[in-house]
Amino acid sequence: MKAYAVICTRTRTLSALTSGLAQKLSSFGVMVKILAEQPSIFSAYEKGMDLCDAEPKDLVIFCHDDLQLLDNRASF
C-alpha cells in the first residue's frame, strides 16, 4: 500500500507551514502532491487524485495547506 497527500494552496510561494507539512509527510513516506492556484478546491482534489495514480488499496490524504502534524513517524 502506498500513501499520497494532495495539499491545496492558493499561491505558488509556499508558506513555512505548508513547506513543513510537505516535508513531514514526505519523511513519513507519503508521496506529496501540491496544487496551487486551482479554480476550486474540488477541481484541485480531482486533479490531485489523477496525479497520484493511486490503486484502490492505496491511501490518499486530501488536506489544506494550513495543517500542522504533531505526530511522529512511529505512530503515524
N, C-alpha and C. Protein backbone atom coordinates (compact mmCIF):
# COMPACT_ATOMS: atom_id res chain seq x y z
N MET A 1 0.84 -1.18 0.00
CA MET A 1 0.00 0.00 0.00
C MET A 1 0.88 1.24 0.00
N LYS A 2 0.53 2.18 -0.85
CA LYS A 2 1.21 3.46 -0.91
C LYS A 2 0.34 4.53 -0.25
N ALA A 3 0.98 5.60 0.18
CA ALA A 3 0.24 6.72 0.76
C ALA A 3 0.59 7.99 0.00
N TYR A 4 -0.42 8.76 -0.30
CA TYR A 4 -0.28 10.02 -1.03
C TYR A 4 -0.94 11.13 -0.22
N ALA A 5 -0.46 12.35 -0.41
CA ALA A 5 -1.13 13.52 0.16
C ALA A 5 -1.28 14.55 -0.93
N VAL A 6 -2.48 15.07 -1.07
CA VAL A 6 -2.77 16.14 -2.01
C VAL A 6 -3.02 17.39 -1.16
N ILE A 7 -2.12 18.35 -1.29
CA ILE A 7 -2.20 19.58 -0.50
C ILE A 7 -2.60 20.72 -1.43
N CYS A 8 -3.67 21.42 -1.10
CA CYS A 8 -4.11 22.56 -1.89
C CYS A 8 -3.65 23.85 -1.23
N THR A 9 -3.14 24.75 -2.05
CA THR A 9 -2.69 26.04 -1.56
C THR A 9 -3.08 27.11 -2.58
N ARG A 10 -3.24 28.32 -2.12
CA ARG A 10 -3.70 29.39 -3.00
C ARG A 10 -2.58 30.02 -3.81
N THR A 11 -1.36 29.95 -3.31
CA THR A 11 -0.25 30.61 -4.00
C THR A 11 0.88 29.63 -4.27
N ARG A 12 1.66 29.93 -5.28
CA ARG A 12 2.80 29.07 -5.64
C ARG A 12 3.95 29.21 -4.64
N THR A 13 4.03 30.37 -3.98
CA THR A 13 5.05 30.56 -2.96
C THR A 13 4.55 29.92 -1.67
N LEU A 14 5.23 28.87 -1.25
CA LEU A 14 4.76 28.10 -0.09
C LEU A 14 5.14 28.79 1.22
N SER A 15 4.19 28.80 2.14
CA SER A 15 4.47 29.32 3.47
C SER A 15 5.34 28.32 4.23
N ALA A 16 5.88 28.76 5.34
CA ALA A 16 6.69 27.86 6.17
C ALA A 16 5.85 26.69 6.67
N LEU A 17 4.58 26.97 6.99
CA LEU A 17 3.69 25.92 7.48
C LEU A 17 3.44 24.86 6.40
N THR A 18 3.19 25.32 5.17
CA THR A 18 2.95 24.39 4.06
C THR A 18 4.21 23.58 3.74
N SER A 19 5.34 24.24 3.71
CA SER A 19 6.61 23.53 3.46
C SER A 19 6.87 22.50 4.55
N GLY A 20 6.61 22.87 5.79
CA GLY A 20 6.81 21.95 6.91
C GLY A 20 5.89 20.75 6.83
N LEU A 21 4.65 20.98 6.44
CA LEU A 21 3.69 19.89 6.28
C LEU A 21 4.17 18.92 5.19
N ALA A 22 4.57 19.46 4.05
CA ALA A 22 5.04 18.62 2.95
C ALA A 22 6.29 17.82 3.36
N GLN A 23 7.21 18.47 4.05
CA GLN A 23 8.44 17.79 4.48
C GLN A 23 8.13 16.69 5.49
N LYS A 24 7.23 16.97 6.43
CA LYS A 24 6.91 15.97 7.45
C LYS A 24 6.22 14.77 6.81
N LEU A 25 5.24 15.02 5.95
CA LEU A 25 4.57 13.91 5.28
C LEU A 25 5.55 13.10 4.45
N SER A 26 6.43 13.77 3.75
CA SER A 26 7.45 13.07 2.96
C SER A 26 8.35 12.22 3.85
N SER A 27 8.71 12.74 5.01
CA SER A 27 9.57 11.97 5.93
C SER A 27 8.85 10.73 6.47
N PHE A 28 7.51 10.74 6.43
CA PHE A 28 6.71 9.58 6.85
C PHE A 28 6.52 8.59 5.70
N GLY A 29 7.09 8.89 4.52
CA GLY A 29 6.96 8.01 3.37
C GLY A 29 5.75 8.29 2.50
N VAL A 30 5.11 9.42 2.74
CA VAL A 30 3.94 9.81 1.96
C VAL A 30 4.42 10.58 0.72
N MET A 31 3.87 10.23 -0.43
CA MET A 31 4.19 10.95 -1.67
C MET A 31 3.29 12.17 -1.75
N VAL A 32 3.89 13.35 -1.77
CA VAL A 32 3.15 14.62 -1.66
C VAL A 32 2.97 15.26 -3.02
N LYS A 33 1.75 15.70 -3.28
CA LYS A 33 1.40 16.48 -4.46
C LYS A 33 0.84 17.81 -3.97
N ILE A 34 1.43 18.92 -4.40
CA ILE A 34 0.95 20.24 -4.00
C ILE A 34 0.34 20.90 -5.23
N LEU A 35 -0.89 21.35 -5.08
CA LEU A 35 -1.59 22.03 -6.17
C LEU A 35 -1.87 23.46 -5.75
N ALA A 36 -1.41 24.41 -6.56
CA ALA A 36 -1.59 25.83 -6.27
C ALA A 36 -2.45 26.49 -7.33
N GLU A 37 -3.12 27.54 -6.91
CA GLU A 37 -3.87 28.41 -7.82
C GLU A 37 -4.85 27.65 -8.70
N GLN A 38 -5.59 26.74 -8.13
CA GLN A 38 -6.60 25.98 -8.87
C GLN A 38 -7.94 26.72 -8.82
N PRO A 39 -8.83 26.46 -9.80
CA PRO A 39 -10.11 27.16 -9.85
C PRO A 39 -10.99 26.92 -8.61
N SER A 40 -10.92 25.73 -8.05
CA SER A 40 -11.68 25.41 -6.84
C SER A 40 -10.98 24.27 -6.12
N ILE A 41 -11.32 24.10 -4.85
CA ILE A 41 -10.71 23.01 -4.09
C ILE A 41 -11.15 21.65 -4.65
N PHE A 42 -12.38 21.61 -5.16
CA PHE A 42 -12.89 20.35 -5.71
C PHE A 42 -12.13 19.94 -6.97
N SER A 43 -11.88 20.90 -7.85
CA SER A 43 -11.13 20.58 -9.06
C SER A 43 -9.67 20.27 -8.72
N ALA A 44 -9.14 20.93 -7.69
CA ALA A 44 -7.77 20.65 -7.26
C ALA A 44 -7.64 19.23 -6.74
N TYR A 45 -8.59 18.81 -5.91
CA TYR A 45 -8.53 17.45 -5.38
C TYR A 45 -8.72 16.41 -6.49
N GLU A 46 -9.58 16.70 -7.45
CA GLU A 46 -9.77 15.79 -8.57
C GLU A 46 -8.49 15.67 -9.39
N LYS A 47 -7.87 16.81 -9.66
CA LYS A 47 -6.60 16.81 -10.41
C LYS A 47 -5.52 16.08 -9.60
N GLY A 48 -5.48 16.33 -8.30
CA GLY A 48 -4.50 15.67 -7.44
C GLY A 48 -4.67 14.17 -7.42
N MET A 49 -5.91 13.71 -7.41
CA MET A 49 -6.19 12.27 -7.44
C MET A 49 -5.66 11.67 -8.73
N ASP A 50 -5.84 12.37 -9.84
CA ASP A 50 -5.31 11.90 -11.13
C ASP A 50 -3.79 11.83 -11.10
N LEU A 51 -3.15 12.82 -10.48
CA LEU A 51 -1.68 12.85 -10.40
C LEU A 51 -1.13 11.70 -9.55
N CYS A 52 -1.90 11.29 -8.56
CA CYS A 52 -1.44 10.22 -7.67
C CYS A 52 -1.42 8.87 -8.37
N ASP A 53 -2.33 8.64 -9.28
CA ASP A 53 -2.43 7.35 -9.95
C ASP A 53 -2.51 6.23 -8.92
N ALA A 54 -3.34 6.46 -7.89
CA ALA A 54 -3.46 5.52 -6.77
C ALA A 54 -4.30 4.31 -7.16
N GLU A 55 -3.98 3.21 -6.52
CA GLU A 55 -4.76 1.98 -6.66
C GLU A 55 -5.78 1.92 -5.53
N PRO A 56 -6.81 1.09 -5.64
CA PRO A 56 -7.84 1.03 -4.61
C PRO A 56 -7.31 0.75 -3.19
N LYS A 57 -6.21 0.03 -3.08
CA LYS A 57 -5.67 -0.29 -1.75
C LYS A 57 -4.84 0.85 -1.16
N ASP A 58 -4.52 1.86 -1.96
CA ASP A 58 -3.68 2.97 -1.50
C ASP A 58 -4.48 3.97 -0.66
N LEU A 59 -3.76 4.75 0.11
CA LEU A 59 -4.34 5.78 0.96
C LEU A 59 -4.05 7.14 0.33
N VAL A 60 -5.09 7.97 0.18
CA VAL A 60 -4.92 9.32 -0.35
C VAL A 60 -5.47 10.29 0.68
N ILE A 61 -4.62 11.21 1.13
CA ILE A 61 -4.98 12.23 2.12
C ILE A 61 -5.20 13.54 1.37
N PHE A 62 -6.37 14.13 1.54
CA PHE A 62 -6.67 15.43 0.95
C PHE A 62 -6.65 16.45 2.07
N CYS A 63 -5.82 17.49 1.95
CA CYS A 63 -5.74 18.45 3.05
C CYS A 63 -5.44 19.86 2.55
N HIS A 64 -5.75 20.80 3.40
CA HIS A 64 -5.43 22.20 3.14
C HIS A 64 -3.97 22.45 3.50
N ASP A 65 -3.49 23.61 3.13
CA ASP A 65 -2.08 23.95 3.37
C ASP A 65 -1.81 24.49 4.77
N ASP A 66 -2.84 24.67 5.58
CA ASP A 66 -2.66 25.25 6.91
C ASP A 66 -2.73 24.20 8.03
N LEU A 67 -2.39 22.99 7.68
CA LEU A 67 -2.43 21.87 8.61
C LEU A 67 -1.04 21.64 9.20
N GLN A 68 -0.99 21.38 10.49
CA GLN A 68 0.28 21.07 11.13
C GLN A 68 0.18 19.70 11.78
N LEU A 69 1.11 18.81 11.46
CA LEU A 69 1.13 17.47 12.05
C LEU A 69 2.03 17.47 13.27
N LEU A 70 1.50 17.02 14.37
CA LEU A 70 2.27 16.95 15.60
C LEU A 70 2.64 15.51 15.95
N ASP A 71 2.31 14.60 15.07
CA ASP A 71 2.56 13.17 15.27
C ASP A 71 4.01 12.85 14.91
N ASN A 72 4.44 11.68 15.33
CA ASN A 72 5.77 11.21 14.91
C ASN A 72 5.60 10.03 13.96
N ARG A 73 6.65 9.67 13.31
CA ARG A 73 6.58 8.62 12.29
C ARG A 73 6.10 7.29 12.86
N ALA A 74 6.52 6.96 14.04
CA ALA A 74 6.17 5.66 14.63
C ALA A 74 4.67 5.50 14.84
N SER A 75 3.98 6.56 15.17
CA SER A 75 2.54 6.45 15.44
C SER A 75 1.66 6.94 14.30
N PHE A 76 2.27 7.43 13.23
CA PHE A 76 1.50 7.97 12.09
C PHE A 76 0.77 6.88 11.35
